[in-house]
């Protein structure tokens, strides 16, 4: 039995020519360098005693990077839900590589809203202290164990609650049908719908709407 997305991945890879793959690699290299510089500046806003040296995503050891990863994961769930509602295939993206377990379109679409999550996390981290983090034992491989740092359980629950509330904040962007503003989560759903209409030739163009949370 094939795992979810695996058959889609194989089809997409078979359609991608060598030039497209090469261009994707070059773009991702540029994106990686830009991300390093971006987070070097961002981390300068974090209290020094809990500030990480660099951004690490997969299996980060420090608490701040793991906090950031959790926040992005919550965003990815919102995006995933929006794309499914818009009848779009989460694995059929444009920029990010096609790989099992990393739905390319979700990764692409998240880029529109990472800055909002970054702003939330920066503000959240400013009131944290070293004592707010705990070390947990984990299996790094079949024969290797180690410790990784996380926000303590109570604050983790509070973070999730606060971030979900943050997604309900208003942005001054008119809704498709009516109103001069809408919630961030509604905006994500609307943008996915508009992207789907554009890809299905139901709409001539698509210009993502970017807003600042109130």
Foldseek 3Di string as FASTA:
>chain_A
DDDPPPVVLVVVVVPDDPVLVVVLVVVVVVVVVVQFVVVVVLLVLFPPVQRDPTADAPPAFGALNVLLNVLLVVLLVLLVVLLVVLVHQQQDPRRDHRDPPHRHNSVVLCVLCSVVSSVVSSVVRRPDDPVQKDWDWDDPDPPDIDIGIHGDPVVSVVSVVVSVVQQQFKWQPADPPGDRIGGNSVLSNRLSNVVSCCVVVVDVDHDRDHTHGD
